[in-house]
Amino acid sequence: MIEVESDPPARVDGRAARAERTRAAIVEAHLALIDAGDLRPTGERIAERAGVSLRTLWTNFKDMETLFAATGRRIGERQAALWRPVPPELPLTVRIAEFCGQRARLLEVLAPPARASALREPFSPQLRRNREVAVARVREEIETVFAAELAHAGSGRAQLLDALTVASTWAAWSMMRDAMGLDVEAAREVMARTLGALLTAASR
């Protein structure tokens, strides 16, 4: 007896590819709504924007937490596409300028999702994990770009790293942009001045 394969690999691969495209469309729709100012988009609005049924949305994402996880990964990809390493061998003033210029660009990309996350984060373990990942990524970059100054800080290294992280992440940027009304360039200059003061003091 010849066994006939009921679901050929090509058919399986095609179905998987379609499912992946559907998930990507849902994530992009979620982000598009947030970027447009809808900071708490419902499943119905996300499905409509993605051009899928509500049932399809929840077939691909079992709940909002899994959608938040996928959206967080997509935001990370957006930022990674813009990110360029700052060579740690450059003079300190140049490193500060390049690092802060890049942080300003990345934080502006992050701004709408970060504002949306702030509304739901107290009730969402996944959004809190997304934030932890983002902070850890910045912290790691600071350790690379300003390795020499952190080494000079000696026993104060951990505290200096904490201070640099606070000055370079969303909470500080939101304070400057949203609460104080600074434009992007003014906020970037404040960040650069803060990092410069912290790093120069550590070098001395």
Foldseek 3Di string as FASTA:
>chain_A
DDDDDPQDPVNVVVVVVVLVVLLVLLLVLVVVCLVVPNLDDDLCSSCVSSVHDSVSVCVSPVDVLSSLLVNLVVLVVVLVVQDDADQLVDDPLVLLLVLLVSLLVSLVSCPSNVVSCVVCVVPHPSSVVSVVVVLVVVLVSCCRNLVVLLVLLPPCSVVLSVQLSVLRDNVVVCCVCPVVPDDSVVSSVVSSVSNVVSSVVSND
